[in-house]
Amino acid sequence: MRVFLYAGQGAQFVGMGKDLYEEFPAYKKTVDSIELQFDHIKLMHEGPAEILNDTAYTQPCYASFAAGVTAVLEEAGIRPEAACGLSLGEYGALYAAGVWDTKTYVDLVAFRGKVMADAVKGMTYSMSAILGTGPAEVEEACEKHASKGFVTVANYNCPGQYVICGEEAAVAAVEEYMKENFKAKCARLNTTSPFHTSLLKSAGDALKEKFGNITFNAPNIPVAMNVSGKLLSENDDIKYLLEMQVQKSVRFEDDITTLINMGADDFIEIGPGNVLTGLCKKTARKLGAKVNTVTIQKAEDLKKLLG
């Protein structure tokens, strides 16, 4: 079973999509058709990096890239049988499942990027990847050190990799505790934004209001969702899950586990970046499953896949 994986922000770079734009007409046509309040093509291809790295600009650029790559795959007859994404990438997965057209998809992502950027203005929080232990131990450590300040698990990425976010004193205390008691390794992340925590409630509220005026089609393929770690069911409210997604933990490990258990064995990551490929492989290894993974970040990646 083939799954399209859509990346979350963090691997953007100046020049992203430029070679795809020049070599694949379907990519160019799709990206050219997108209308935003800034020149997304110039920003992706030429920068400057400080603007491209601003969440309000990063997210719609990612969506443009993803829509373009998806169009090339569609033209070649390569279609997903299921989809999943991490954080921002969840919107790409729903797009691949036919929930929105290209314009609605990119417009929604642009709105999401703006309200998330607005929500974290003036906030300075720390994030750390806790490596080499289990989720229960990390959760317990966060609860144990709550007196030091706000701290919570923001991402359950894959076996042995869980990201915590919170106030510096609390994050530092959790790191020290995990090192001493579980011999865990800790890696600070280069971000100060408390994404996927309760501190993003204002962004969730803004999205809820925005969704009220937008039509969501029923997905035509299974989609694994970040908040639940499970496949969307007929009774699930996609709007509510996306509202919650910005303010609750991302359960990507559970998503991949769910997909593999239903027979997924062929994963195509639509970047930029190859983070999800690594997370997918680690989860598959824990399950004793064999998976094929492909990352599409540059023109040569697409050429090899279309081959």
Foldseek 3Di string as FASTA:
>chain_A
DEEEEEEDDDLQDAQFCVQVCVPPVQLVVQLVPEDDPDDLVCCSHPNDPVVCNQLLNVQLNSLSLLVSVLRRCVVLVNAGQEYEYFQSRLLSRLVSQVQDDSHVSSVLRSLLSVLQSVLCVPFFKWKKKKFDDAPVLLQVLLVVLCVQWDKDWAEPQAGGITMMMTHPRSVVSSQVCCCVPVVIDMDIDPDGGPWAAQSSLSSLVVLLVVCVVDGTDDGNHWYQAQQPLETDDPPDDPSNSSSNRRHHHGYNLSVLVRCVVVPAAEYEYRDVPCVNVVRNVRSCVVVVHHHHYAYDGRPVSVVVVSD
